[in-house]
Every structure is written in C-alpha cells, then in structure tokens.
Amino acid sequence: MRAAVPLIAACAACAALAACASQPNAVNSAPPPTVSYRIPDHNVAATDAEAQNYCAVYSRAAQYRGVQATPDGAVAVYSCEETATGSAGTTVPTAPAAPLR
C-alpha cells in the first residue's frame, strides 16, 4: 500500500501537466514592466544602458517614455517592450540629452 501512494501522486501530477499543455495559449494582459532612474548631470542618455540591462531580464527592450519630476529630482522613465523579433537588447532611441530647466 505504501508503494501505491507515490505512484498515485505521480499519476496525478502527470494528469495535471497534461491538462495544462492542452489549454490554448493565454494572452498576457499585464502591463510591461517599467523602470526609472535618476538622471545624472542632466544626461538622460546615461540611463539607457541601465534600462536595457533591466529589461533584458524580461527578454524585452527598454523604450524611453520621458522624464518625470520627483521631489528628489528628475527621473528617466522606461517601459520594457517586446521587440518585433522577440529578442532583447535592441537599442531604442532616446530623447536628446538636454539640460532640464
């Protein structure tokens, strides 16, 4: 009887996996991850590499979304977007580095 318990558990796990595999692909409706960085010396471009590295964790590319003012200073905001080829690391053009006023 003791040998039957692990066998039953293994069969139940296989059945659950088979049920998941037969379901259609779900569409991810969650928004893409976002990240923001403090802008050093008013140079937005200095944050590009950091944003690309962050988004690469999600197999996405960083898309510059703009600058936001915060009580601690301005931050550059990026969203991690899927690329046309589905690969990460694509360089995305950013706004020109200009002094903030």
C-alpha atoms as a PDB file:
ATOM      1  CA  MET A   1       0.000   0.000   0.000  1.00  0.00           C
ATOM      2  CA  ARG A   2       2.857   2.387   0.823  1.00  0.00           C
ATOM      3  CA  ALA A   3       4.314   1.957  -2.654  1.00  0.00           C
ATOM      4  CA  ALA A   4       0.977   2.894  -4.197  1.00  0.00           C
ATOM      5  CA  VAL A   5       0.870   6.376  -2.603  1.00  0.00           C
ATOM      6  CA  PRO A   6       3.883   7.791  -4.532  1.00  0.00           C
ATOM      7  CA  LEU A   7       2.590   6.149  -7.702  1.00  0.00           C
ATOM      8  CA  ILE A   8      -0.818   7.778  -7.279  1.00  0.00           C
ATOM      9  CA  ALA A   9       0.813  11.172  -6.607  1.00  0.00           C
ATOM     10  CA  ALA A  10       2.978  10.816  -9.723  1.00  0.00           C
ATOM     11  CA  CYS A  11      -0.050   9.953 -11.858  1.00  0.00           C
ATOM     12  CA  ALA A  12      -1.969  12.955 -10.501  1.00  0.00           C
ATOM     13  CA  ALA A  13       0.954  15.260 -11.330  1.00  0.00           C
ATOM     14  CA  CYS A  14       1.177  13.888 -14.879  1.00  0.00           C
ATOM     15  CA  ALA A  15      -2.561  14.384 -15.386  1.00  0.00           C
ATOM     16  CA  ALA A  16      -2.322  17.990 -14.199  1.00  0.00           C
ATOM     17  CA  LEU A  17       0.563  18.692 -16.583  1.00  0.00           C
ATOM     18  CA  ALA A  18      -1.300  17.132 -19.484  1.00  0.00           C
ATOM     19  CA  ALA A  19      -4.346  19.294 -18.771  1.00  0.00           C
ATOM     20  CA  CYS A  20      -2.209  22.458 -18.774  1.00  0.00           C
ATOM     21  CA  ALA A  21      -0.489  21.516 -22.008  1.00  0.00           C
ATOM     22  CA  SER A  22      -3.775  21.072 -23.853  1.00  0.00           C
ATOM     23  CA  GLN A  23      -5.126  24.541 -23.000  1.00  0.00           C
ATOM     24  CA  PRO A  24      -4.750  27.328 -25.572  1.00  0.00           C
ATOM     25  CA  ASN A  25      -2.037  29.922 -25.063  1.00  0.00           C
ATOM     26  CA  ALA A  26      -3.204  32.655 -22.723  1.00  0.00           C
ATOM     27  CA  VAL A  27      -2.638  36.268 -23.668  1.00  0.00           C
ATOM     28  CA  ASN A  28      -0.690  38.210 -21.083  1.00  0.00           C
ATOM     29  CA  SER A  29      -2.740  41.303 -20.381  1.00  0.00           C
ATOM     30  CA  ALA A  30      -0.410  42.616 -17.693  1.00  0.00           C
ATOM     31  CA  PRO A  31       1.327  45.873 -18.489  1.00  0.00           C
ATOM     32  CA  PRO A  32       5.015  45.672 -19.349  1.00  0.00           C
ATOM     33  CA  PRO A  33       7.471  46.213 -16.508  1.00  0.00           C
ATOM     34  CA  THR A  34       8.697  49.769 -16.066  1.00  0.00           C
ATOM     35  CA  VAL A  35      11.812  51.209 -14.515  1.00  0.00           C
ATOM     36  CA  SER A  36      13.033  54.716 -13.755  1.00  0.00           C
ATOM     37  CA  TYR A  37      16.475  56.127 -13.000  1.00  0.00           C
ATOM     38  CA  ARG A  38      17.710  59.384 -11.550  1.00  0.00           C
ATOM     39  CA  ILE A  39      19.265  61.438 -14.308  1.00  0.00           C
ATOM     40  CA  PRO A  40      22.955  62.135 -13.624  1.00  0.00           C
ATOM     41  CA  ASP A  41      24.171  65.606 -14.618  1.00  0.00           C
ATOM     42  CA  HIS A  42      21.016  66.238 -16.709  1.00  0.00           C
ATOM     43  CA  ASN A  43      22.109  63.483 -19.123  1.00  0.00           C
ATOM     44  CA  VAL A  44      19.164  61.209 -19.955  1.00  0.00           C
ATOM     45  CA  ALA A  45      21.288  59.089 -22.311  1.00  0.00           C
ATOM     46  CA  ALA A  46      23.395  57.973 -19.340  1.00  0.00           C
ATOM     47  CA  THR A  47      20.440  55.866 -18.121  1.00  0.00           C
ATOM     48  CA  ASP A  48      19.900  53.948 -21.399  1.00  0.00           C
ATOM     49  CA  ALA A  49      22.311  51.078 -20.698  1.00  0.00           C
ATOM     50  CA  GLU A  50      20.902  50.531 -17.216  1.00  0.00           C
ATOM     51  CA  ALA A  51      17.360  50.375 -18.580  1.00  0.00           C
ATOM     52  CA  GLN A  52      18.397  47.980 -21.377  1.00  0.00           C
ATOM     53  CA  ASN A  53      20.058  45.673 -18.840  1.00  0.00           C
ATOM     54  CA  TYR A  54      16.983  45.723 -16.601  1.00  0.00           C
ATOM     55  CA  CYS A  55      14.597  44.940 -19.455  1.00  0.00           C
ATOM     56  CA  ALA A  56      16.844  42.175 -20.792  1.00  0.00           C
ATOM     57  CA  VAL A  57      15.952  40.183 -17.661  1.00  0.00           C
ATOM     58  CA  TYR A  58      12.397  40.080 -19.087  1.00  0.00           C
ATOM     59  CA  SER A  59      13.648  39.358 -22.646  1.00  0.00           C
ATOM     60  CA  ARG A  60      12.454  42.794 -23.680  1.00  0.00           C
ATOM     61  CA  ALA A  61      13.962  46.071 -24.847  1.00  0.00           C
ATOM     62  CA  ALA A  62      13.792  49.374 -22.997  1.00  0.00           C
ATOM     63  CA  GLN A  63      11.540  52.019 -24.532  1.00  0.00           C
ATOM     64  CA  TYR A  64      12.134  55.579 -23.302  1.00  0.00           C
ATOM     65  CA  ARG A  65       8.884  57.131 -22.032  1.00  0.00           C
ATOM     66  CA  GLY A  66      10.026  60.536 -20.841  1.00  0.00           C
ATOM     67  CA  VAL A  67      11.229  62.477 -17.841  1.00  0.00           C
ATOM     68  CA  GLN A  68       9.221  62.855 -14.665  1.00  0.00           C
ATOM     69  CA  ALA A  69       9.832  65.368 -11.908  1.00  0.00           C
ATOM     70  CA  THR A  70      10.037  63.933  -8.396  1.00  0.00           C
ATOM     71  CA  PRO A  71      10.771  65.586  -5.050  1.00  0.00           C
ATOM     72  CA  ASP A  72      14.291  64.117  -5.278  1.00  0.00           C
ATOM     73  CA  GLY A  73      14.925  65.357  -8.825  1.00  0.00           C
ATOM     74  CA  ALA A  74      14.095  64.289 -12.358  1.00  0.00           C
ATOM     75  CA  VAL A  75      13.968  60.620 -13.394  1.00  0.00           C
ATOM     76  CA  ALA A  76      14.024  58.996 -16.827  1.00  0.00           C
ATOM     77  CA  VAL A  77      11.169  56.513 -17.239  1.00  0.00           C
ATOM     78  CA  TYR A  78      11.367  53.405 -19.437  1.00  0.00           C
ATOM     79  CA  SER A  79       8.978  50.546 -20.172  1.00  0.00           C
ATOM     80  CA  CYS A  80      10.156  47.095 -21.153  1.00  0.00           C
ATOM     81  CA  GLU A  81       8.550  46.310 -24.511  1.00  0.00           C
ATOM     82  CA  GLU A  82       8.624  43.202 -26.668  1.00  0.00           C
ATOM     83  CA  THR A  83      10.679  43.658 -29.793  1.00  0.00           C
ATOM     84  CA  ALA A  84       9.493  42.765 -33.281  1.00  0.00           C
ATOM     85  CA  THR A  85      11.839  39.773 -33.309  1.00  0.00           C
ATOM     86  CA  GLY A  86      11.150  38.879 -29.682  1.00  0.00           C
ATOM     87  CA  SER A  87      14.755  39.370 -28.604  1.00  0.00           C
ATOM     88  CA  ALA A  88      16.132  41.720 -26.002  1.00  0.00           C
ATOM     89  CA  GLY A  89      18.956  44.167 -26.277  1.00  0.00           C
ATOM     90  CA  THR A  90      17.731  46.231 -29.194  1.00  0.00           C
ATOM     91  CA  THR A  91      18.845  49.805 -28.821  1.00  0.00           C
ATOM     92  CA  VAL A  92      15.935  52.175 -28.625  1.00  0.00           C
ATOM     93  CA  PRO A  93      16.498  55.838 -29.484  1.00  0.00           C
ATOM     94  CA  THR A  94      16.012  58.239 -26.615  1.00  0.00           C
ATOM     95  CA  ALA A  95      15.347  61.918 -26.409  1.00  0.00           C
ATOM     96  CA  PRO A  96      18.382  64.116 -26.902  1.00  0.00           C
ATOM     97  CA  ALA A  97      20.273  64.832 -23.706  1.00  0.00           C
ATOM     98  CA  ALA A  98      19.326  68.371 -22.859  1.00  0.00           C
ATOM     99  CA  PRO A  99      19.613  70.289 -19.620  1.00  0.00           C
ATOM    100  CA  LEU A 100      16.453  70.279 -17.556  1.00  0.00           C
ATOM    101  CA  ARG A 101      15.044  73.627 -16.633  1.00  0.00           C
END
